[in-house]
Protein backbone atom coordinates (compact mmCIF):
# COMPACT_ATOMS: atom_id res chain seq x y z
CA UNK A 1 143.11 95.57 83.68
CA UNK A 2 140.03 96.03 85.85
CA UNK A 3 142.09 97.69 88.56
CA UNK A 4 143.02 100.57 86.26
CA UNK A 5 139.37 101.58 85.91
CA UNK A 6 138.98 101.50 89.69
CA UNK A 7 141.96 103.73 90.46
CA UNK A 8 141.60 106.25 87.61
CA UNK A 9 139.41 109.24 88.56
CA UNK A 10 136.24 109.49 86.46
CA UNK A 11 135.52 112.61 84.41
CA UNK A 12 132.95 113.63 87.03
CA UNK A 13 135.40 113.15 89.93
CA UNK A 14 138.03 115.16 88.06
CA UNK A 15 135.49 117.91 87.42
CA UNK A 16 134.47 118.12 91.10
CA UNK A 17 138.06 118.00 92.36
CA UNK A 18 139.37 120.51 89.84
CA UNK A 19 136.60 122.96 90.78
CA UNK A 20 137.46 122.61 94.47
CA UNK A 21 141.22 122.94 93.82
CA UNK A 22 140.67 126.06 91.69
CA UNK A 23 138.50 127.56 94.43
CA UNK A 24 141.15 126.88 97.08
CA UNK A 25 143.91 128.36 94.93
CA UNK A 26 141.92 131.52 94.31
CA UNK A 27 141.15 131.83 98.02
CA UNK A 28 144.84 131.52 98.91
CA UNK A 29 145.91 134.04 96.28
CA UNK A 30 143.56 136.57 97.88
CA UNK A 31 144.73 135.76 101.42
CA UNK A 32 148.45 135.81 100.51
CA UNK A 33 148.70 138.22 97.55
CA UNK A 34 152.42 138.90 97.95
CA UNK A 35 153.50 135.26 97.43
CA UNK A 36 153.31 132.85 94.50
CA UNK A 37 150.76 130.04 94.96
CA UNK A 38 151.35 126.91 92.88
CA UNK A 39 149.62 123.53 92.75
CA UNK A 40 152.00 120.62 93.32
CA UNK A 41 152.04 116.92 94.06
CA UNK A 42 150.04 114.24 92.27
CA UNK A 43 147.19 116.65 91.39
CA UNK A 44 149.49 118.89 89.40
CA UNK A 45 151.03 115.85 87.70
CA UNK A 46 147.64 114.15 87.11
CA UNK A 47 148.90 110.98 88.81
CA UNK A 48 146.43 110.98 91.75
CA UNK A 49 144.34 107.93 92.55
CA UNK A 50 140.56 107.98 92.63
CA UNK A 51 139.34 108.79 96.13
CA UNK A 52 142.68 110.26 97.23
CA UNK A 53 141.99 113.94 97.84
CA UNK A 54 145.12 115.17 99.62
CA UNK A 55 146.23 118.31 97.80
CA UNK A 56 149.76 119.77 97.89
CA UNK A 57 150.10 123.52 97.33
CA UNK A 58 153.47 125.28 97.25
CA UNK A 59 153.69 128.75 98.74
CA UNK A 60 156.79 130.23 97.11
CA UNK A 61 158.90 132.86 98.87
CA UNK A 62 161.29 135.04 96.80
CA UNK A 63 164.79 133.60 97.19
CA UNK A 64 166.67 136.91 97.39
CA UNK A 65 164.46 138.22 100.19
CA UNK A 66 163.94 135.08 102.27
CA UNK A 67 167.11 132.98 101.94
CA UNK A 68 168.34 132.07 105.42
CA UNK A 69 165.00 133.04 107.01
CA UNK A 70 162.32 130.88 108.67
CA UNK A 71 159.74 130.79 105.89
CA UNK A 72 157.53 128.38 107.88
CA UNK A 73 157.15 131.01 110.57
CA UNK A 74 156.55 133.67 107.93
CA UNK A 75 153.76 131.62 106.34
CA UNK A 76 152.15 130.65 109.64
CA UNK A 77 151.71 134.32 110.56
CA UNK A 78 149.57 134.80 107.44
CA UNK A 79 147.22 131.83 107.95
CA UNK A 80 144.23 131.07 110.16
CA UNK A 81 142.63 127.81 111.36
CA UNK A 82 145.54 125.58 110.36
CA UNK A 83 147.20 122.46 111.73
CA UNK A 84 150.98 122.65 112.02
CA UNK A 85 152.86 119.57 110.81
CA UNK A 86 156.42 119.48 112.14
CA UNK A 87 159.26 118.29 109.97
CA UNK A 88 162.63 119.36 108.58
CA UNK A 89 160.60 122.43 107.65
CA UNK A 90 157.14 122.87 109.15
CA UNK A 91 154.17 122.91 106.79
CA UNK A 92 150.44 123.37 107.34
CA UNK A 93 147.18 121.53 106.81
CA UNK A 94 143.73 122.95 106.09
CA UNK A 95 140.61 120.78 105.84
CA UNK A 96 137.77 121.51 103.45
CA UNK A 97 135.24 118.70 103.84
CA UNK A 98 136.85 115.51 102.51
CA UNK A 99 139.79 117.49 101.12
CA UNK A 100 143.07 117.82 103.04
CA UNK A 101 145.16 120.73 101.75
CA UNK A 102 148.83 120.85 102.64
CA UNK A 103 150.45 124.28 102.33
CA UNK A 104 154.18 123.80 101.83
CA UNK A 105 156.50 126.82 102.13
CA UNK A 106 159.36 126.73 99.64
CA UNK A 107 161.99 129.12 98.39
CA UNK A 108 161.31 130.30 94.85
CA UNK A 109 164.62 129.22 93.34
CA UNK A 110 165.86 129.04 89.77
CA UNK A 111 168.41 126.25 90.36
CA UNK A 112 167.92 123.15 92.56
CA UNK A 113 171.42 123.73 93.97
CA UNK A 114 170.02 126.80 95.74
CA UNK A 115 167.67 124.59 97.78
CA UNK A 116 167.92 125.11 101.55
CA UNK A 117 165.59 122.16 102.16
CA UNK A 118 164.59 119.14 100.07
CA UNK A 119 161.07 120.59 99.74
CA UNK A 120 162.50 123.53 97.76
CA UNK A 121 163.14 121.06 94.92
CA UNK A 122 159.54 119.80 94.84
CA UNK A 123 158.34 122.29 92.20
CA UNK A 124 161.18 121.09 89.94
CA UNK A 125 160.03 117.49 90.46
CA UNK A 126 156.48 118.48 89.54
CA UNK A 127 157.65 120.25 86.39
CA UNK A 128 159.82 117.28 85.34
CA UNK A 129 156.98 114.80 85.81
CA UNK A 130 154.51 116.94 83.84
CA UNK A 131 156.99 117.22 80.95
CA UNK A 132 158.21 113.61 80.87
CA UNK A 133 155.31 111.34 81.85
CA UNK A 134 153.17 110.77 78.78
CA UNK A 135 150.76 108.26 80.33
CA UNK A 136 149.92 109.08 83.98
CA UNK A 137 147.75 105.95 84.24
CA UNK A 138 150.99 103.92 84.29
CA UNK A 139 152.09 105.86 87.37
CA UNK A 140 148.71 105.14 88.95
CA UNK A 141 149.21 101.40 88.39
CA UNK A 142 152.66 101.50 89.95
CA UNK A 143 151.52 103.57 92.96
CA UNK A 144 148.59 101.22 93.60
CA UNK A 145 150.90 98.19 93.29
CA UNK A 146 153.30 99.72 95.80
CA UNK A 147 150.54 100.74 98.23
CA UNK A 148 148.82 97.36 98.12
CA UNK A 149 152.05 95.59 99.02
CA UNK A 150 153.31 97.92 101.75
CA UNK A 151 156.06 99.41 99.60
CA UNK A 152 154.79 102.97 99.18
CA UNK A 153 156.19 105.88 101.17
CA UNK A 154 159.64 107.28 101.93
CA UNK A 155 158.92 107.89 105.63
CA UNK A 156 161.49 106.47 108.02
CA UNK A 157 159.10 103.83 109.35
CA UNK A 158 158.29 102.59 105.82
CA UNK A 159 161.54 103.09 103.86
CA UNK A 160 159.77 102.44 100.60
CA UNK A 161 159.20 104.05 97.20
CA UNK A 162 158.08 107.69 97.22
CA UNK A 163 155.56 109.05 94.73
CA UNK A 164 158.35 110.88 92.93
CA UNK A 165 160.42 107.69 92.64
CA UNK A 166 157.40 105.95 91.08
CA UNK A 167 157.09 108.81 88.59
CA UNK A 168 160.78 108.74 87.65
CA UNK A 169 160.63 104.97 87.16
CA UNK A 170 157.70 105.32 84.76
CA UNK A 171 159.56 108.20 83.09
CA UNK A 172 162.35 105.67 82.46
CA UNK A 173 160.33 102.55 81.51
CA UNK A 174 157.16 104.27 80.15
CA UNK A 175 154.83 101.42 81.15
CA UNK A 176 154.17 99.51 84.36
CA UNK A 177 154.70 96.16 82.61
CA UNK A 178 158.05 97.14 81.12
CA UNK A 179 159.23 98.24 84.56
CA UNK A 180 158.07 94.97 86.14
CA UNK A 181 159.79 92.90 83.43
CA UNK A 182 163.08 94.65 84.10
CA UNK A 183 162.80 94.86 87.91
CA UNK A 184 162.25 91.10 88.12
CA UNK A 185 165.93 90.81 87.13
CA UNK A 186 167.37 93.70 89.13
CA UNK A 187 170.69 92.88 90.86
CA UNK A 188 171.53 93.64 94.50
CA UNK A 189 172.21 97.23 93.45
CA UNK A 190 170.44 98.83 90.50
CA UNK A 191 171.62 102.05 88.83
CA UNK A 192 169.20 104.23 86.84
CA UNK A 193 170.05 107.61 85.34
CA UNK A 194 167.05 108.75 83.29
CA UNK A 195 168.70 111.93 82.00
CA UNK A 196 172.16 110.35 81.46
CA UNK A 197 173.88 112.79 83.82
CA UNK A 198 176.77 110.32 84.35
CA UNK A 199 178.65 107.91 82.07
CA UNK A 200 178.38 105.05 84.58
CA UNK A 201 177.60 104.01 88.17
CA UNK A 202 181.15 104.58 89.39
CA UNK A 203 181.05 108.23 88.34
CA UNK A 204 177.61 108.72 89.88
CA UNK A 205 178.78 107.23 93.20
CA UNK A 206 181.57 109.81 93.37
CA UNK A 207 179.11 112.69 93.10
CA UNK A 208 176.25 111.38 95.24
CA UNK A 209 176.74 111.66 99.00
CA UNK A 210 177.91 108.30 100.37
CA UNK A 211 175.17 108.41 103.02
CA UNK A 212 172.58 108.55 100.23
CA UNK A 213 173.69 105.33 98.56
CA UNK A 214 171.41 102.31 98.73
CA UNK A 215 170.15 99.27 96.78
CA UNK A 216 168.62 101.57 94.14
CA UNK A 217 170.72 104.45 92.84
CA UNK A 218 168.11 106.55 91.05
CA UNK A 219 169.78 109.76 89.91
CA UNK A 220 167.39 112.65 90.49
CA UNK A 221 166.68 114.03 86.99
CA UNK A 222 166.63 117.63 88.25
CA UNK A 223 169.41 117.39 90.84
CA UNK A 224 172.01 114.79 89.74
CA UNK A 225 173.96 114.91 93.02
CA UNK A 226 170.93 113.44 94.80
CA UNK A 227 169.76 109.81 94.91
CA UNK A 228 165.97 110.10 94.63
CA UNK A 229 165.60 106.61 96.14
CA UNK A 230 167.93 107.16 99.11
CA UNK A 231 165.18 106.34 101.63
CA UNK A 232 164.56 102.88 100.14
CA UNK A 233 165.65 99.98 102.38
CA UNK A 234 167.19 96.73 101.16
CA UNK A 235 164.16 94.89 102.55
CA UNK A 236 161.63 96.89 100.50
CA UNK A 237 163.86 96.80 97.43
CA UNK A 238 164.15 93.01 97.66
CA UNK A 239 160.42 92.61 98.22
CA UNK A 240 159.68 94.65 95.09
CA UNK A 241 162.01 92.48 93.01
CA UNK A 242 160.38 89.28 94.31
CA UNK A 243 156.87 90.65 93.74
CA UNK A 244 157.85 91.58 90.18
CA UNK A 245 158.85 87.96 89.55
CA UNK A 246 155.59 86.69 91.05
CA UNK A 247 153.52 89.14 89.02
CA UNK A 248 155.14 88.04 85.76
CA UNK A 249 154.32 84.43 86.57
CA UNK A 250 150.70 85.27 87.36
CA UNK A 251 149.66 88.84 86.43
CA UNK A 252 146.34 89.22 88.28
CA UNK A 253 144.52 92.12 89.93
CA UNK A 254 145.14 90.51 93.33
CA UNK A 255 148.57 92.19 93.34
CA UNK A 256 146.76 95.54 93.57
CA UNK A 257 144.55 94.57 96.52
CA UNK A 258 145.63 95.73 99.96
CA UNK A 259 146.86 92.86 102.10
CA UNK A 260 146.04 93.91 105.64
CA UNK A 261 146.98 91.31 108.22
CA UNK A 262 144.35 90.17 110.71
CA UNK A 263 144.00 87.49 113.35
CA UNK A 264 142.30 85.08 110.95
CA UNK A 265 145.04 85.32 108.28
CA UNK A 266 147.84 85.06 110.84
CA UNK A 267 146.08 82.14 112.54
CA UNK A 268 146.39 80.21 109.28
CA UNK A 269 149.90 81.48 108.61
CA UNK A 270 151.26 80.20 111.92
CA UNK A 271 150.33 76.54 111.16
CA UNK A 272 151.54 74.47 114.14
CA UNK A 273 153.65 77.26 115.61
CA UNK A 274 152.80 79.91 118.21
CA UNK A 275 151.47 83.35 117.27
CA UNK A 276 151.90 86.49 119.37
CA UNK A 277 149.45 89.20 118.28
CA UNK A 278 149.65 92.72 119.76
CA UNK A 279 147.07 95.24 118.52
CA UNK A 280 146.30 98.70 119.80
CA UNK A 281 145.64 102.40 119.27
CA UNK A 282 148.74 104.59 118.84
CA UNK A 283 149.29 107.85 120.65
CA UNK A 284 148.36 110.98 118.71
CA UNK A 285 150.99 112.87 116.76
CA UNK A 286 152.54 113.39 113.34
CA UNK A 287 152.22 110.13 111.43
CA UNK A 288 155.86 109.73 110.36
CA UNK A 289 157.18 110.65 113.83
CA UNK A 290 154.87 108.23 115.67
CA UNK A 291 155.45 105.63 112.95
CA UNK A 292 159.23 105.80 113.47
CA UNK A 293 158.77 105.32 117.23
CA UNK A 294 156.41 102.39 116.70
CA UNK A 295 158.93 100.80 114.33
CA UNK A 296 161.58 101.01 117.07
CA UNK A 297 159.06 99.57 119.55
CA UNK A 298 158.52 96.59 117.24
CA UNK A 299 162.24 96.09 116.57
CA UNK A 300 163.05 96.24 120.30
CA UNK A 301 160.36 93.67 121.07
CA UNK A 302 161.57 91.27 118.38
CA UNK A 303 165.20 91.67 119.49
CA UNK A 304 164.34 90.93 123.12
CA UNK A 305 162.32 87.86 122.14
CA UNK A 306 165.41 86.53 120.35
CA UNK A 307 167.70 87.46 123.27
CA UNK A 308 165.51 85.37 125.55
CA UNK A 309 166.18 82.39 123.29
CA UNK A 310 162.87 82.06 121.43
CA UNK A 311 163.16 81.10 117.76
CA UNK A 312 161.28 83.59 115.53
CA UNK A 313 159.97 82.09 112.30
CA UNK A 314 158.30 85.23 110.92
CA UNK A 315 157.26 88.67 112.12
CA UNK A 316 155.84 91.98 110.92
CA UNK A 317 153.91 95.10 111.79
CA UNK A 318 151.32 97.47 110.33
CA UNK A 319 150.45 101.05 111.14
CA UNK A 320 147.13 102.67 110.26
CA UNK A 321 144.35 103.90 112.52
CA UNK A 322 145.36 100.95 114.67
CA UNK A 323 148.75 99.28 115.10
CA UNK A 324 149.51 95.59 114.79
CA UNK A 325 152.73 93.90 115.92
CA UNK A 326 152.98 90.16 115.42
CA UNK A 327 155.48 87.35 115.41
CA UNK A 328 155.40 83.59 114.99
CA UNK A 329 157.73 81.46 117.11
CA UNK A 330 158.69 77.84 117.53
CA UNK A 331 156.20 76.49 120.12
CA UNK A 332 158.72 74.27 121.90
CA UNK A 333 159.38 75.39 125.52
CA UNK A 334 162.87 76.64 126.17
CA UNK A 335 165.37 74.48 128.04
CA UNK A 336 165.44 74.57 131.84
CA UNK A 337 169.02 75.83 131.83
CA UNK A 338 170.93 78.29 129.65
CA UNK A 339 174.61 78.90 128.89
CA UNK A 340 175.88 82.38 129.80
CA UNK A 341 179.14 83.30 128.08
CA UNK A 342 181.94 85.12 129.85
CA UNK A 343 185.29 86.66 128.81
CA UNK A 344 188.25 84.82 127.25
CA UNK A 345 190.17 82.68 129.76
CA UNK A 346 193.26 84.95 129.56
CA UNK A 347 191.25 88.11 130.42
CA UNK A 348 191.98 87.83 134.16
CA UNK A 349 190.42 91.15 135.22
CA UNK A 350 187.05 90.57 133.57
CA UNK A 351 187.17 86.88 134.42
CA UNK A 352 187.19 87.76 138.14
CA UNK A 353 184.15 90.04 137.69
CA UNK A 354 182.33 87.30 135.76
CA UNK A 355 183.13 84.72 138.45
CA UNK A 356 181.92 87.07 141.20
CA UNK A 357 178.69 87.72 139.32
CA UNK A 358 177.97 84.01 138.99
CA UNK A 359 179.35 82.97 142.37
CA UNK A 360 178.17 79.47 143.27
CA UNK A 361 178.06 78.33 139.65
CA UNK A 362 180.77 76.18 138.09
CA UNK A 363 182.92 77.96 135.48
CA UNK A 364 183.40 76.10 132.21
CA UNK A 365 185.66 76.77 129.23
CA UNK A 366 185.04 76.23 125.53
CA UNK A 367 187.36 77.32 122.70
CA UNK A 368 189.23 79.62 125.07
CA UNK A 369 186.11 81.33 126.43
CA UNK A 370 184.46 80.91 129.83
CA UNK A 371 180.83 80.14 130.53
CA UNK A 372 178.41 79.10 133.26
CA UNK A 373 175.23 77.01 133.09
CA UNK A 374 172.39 78.63 135.03
CA UNK A 375 168.64 78.07 135.45
CA UNK A 376 166.61 79.88 132.79
CA UNK A 377 164.30 82.51 134.31
CA UNK A 378 161.78 82.60 131.45
CA UNK A 379 160.78 79.49 129.49
CA UNK A 380 157.39 80.43 128.02
CA UNK A 381 156.56 83.37 125.74
CA UNK A 382 153.58 84.24 127.97
CA UNK A 383 155.94 84.78 130.92
CA UNK A 384 158.15 87.02 128.84
CA UNK A 385 155.26 89.15 127.57
CA UNK A 386 153.89 89.66 131.07
CA UNK A 387 157.22 91.16 132.13
CA UNK A 388 158.14 93.03 128.94
CA UNK A 389 154.87 94.64 127.82
CA UNK A 390 154.81 97.41 130.40
CA UNK A 391 154.02 101.12 130.40
CA UNK A 392 157.57 102.15 129.47
CA UNK A 393 158.10 99.70 126.59
CA UNK A 394 154.62 100.34 125.14
CA UNK A 395 154.45 104.10 125.73
CA UNK A 396 153.50 104.88 122.12
CA UNK A 397 150.19 103.07 122.52
CA UNK A 398 147.11 104.65 124.07
CA UNK A 399 145.91 101.13 124.76
CA UNK A 400 146.64 97.65 123.46
CA UNK A 401 145.72 94.00 123.82
CA UNK A 402 147.79 90.84 123.47
CA UNK A 403 146.78 87.42 122.21
CA UNK A 404 148.93 84.30 122.14
CA UNK A 405 147.62 81.47 119.97
């Protein structure tokens, strides 16, 4: 496949990157001589994509000495010229030209069960991937496929497939094509246990925290009481299954090309319907935090559009340097009047409150429930947007513009 050549780092790129990584590691070992410095992430596993130069480095604190202590604070005190990234445990970024180095404090543990934070297990994940993935190019194909189709990333605003999940899947199926052939037939819930920790799904479900269940139960090879794919949503799971079917029918490189929405594409997509297109610049902040808030902004907008009575045909959103929220609705104007439902007819107390609220309007009854017919305040989507898109509802945008086509 042509795409594989594009995403696989050349020998020259590997040489340049490896030299820079080695230099950074040596620099850190001199600056922090008392701690263990270890390369992690896709660079350590050799699953990185060409042009992707974000480097994960674990800074390992002795478990006996630092258990129960704030190792983020301890690491921060030893570093200079860093950017703090807040999370379940803070970590730090350093920039060296086009390279972004993430310094991740972890406890140096011997058993994953000793982990005080999910990041403490990351070195175990790295070790497993290095030992079990025989062809890293297959991971590259899967990662590119996921990224191109908006399925990559375990952040709360994406709810997709993490890099580690991609690696475990290739560890199971060995090749991208074998995975796609099987995933095209995945049921509503798929169970995968690469290391055969459990005899069956029922036994696995007993051990894995109920809150970590989901459409894909992927038993973590190094920590069997954890579902590695717990962040995956039903929507992204279902989309992957459908894309697998489509790919098998027509396996082309187009499945690996990013599909960024724009006004031109959406203009064709809407056909004879009405398109609402909101684009803007997000406020500054940690990407996954701002992304989660933007996701809620989009969901609240869509919900309110439906509450007003507009019929949504399709909608979506994208988050990069800019943010795009869009939805396509039935272009028909809403009716002049709307039915407002009240309490059941036998609920005398609430019935009186409902009647007082709609004083002057005739009470009706249907299937034992009361209602009134009142004039609709908003009939056109433009009227709704003028009222709804205000400073409070759009507070996670620095600025934005709205188009209705």
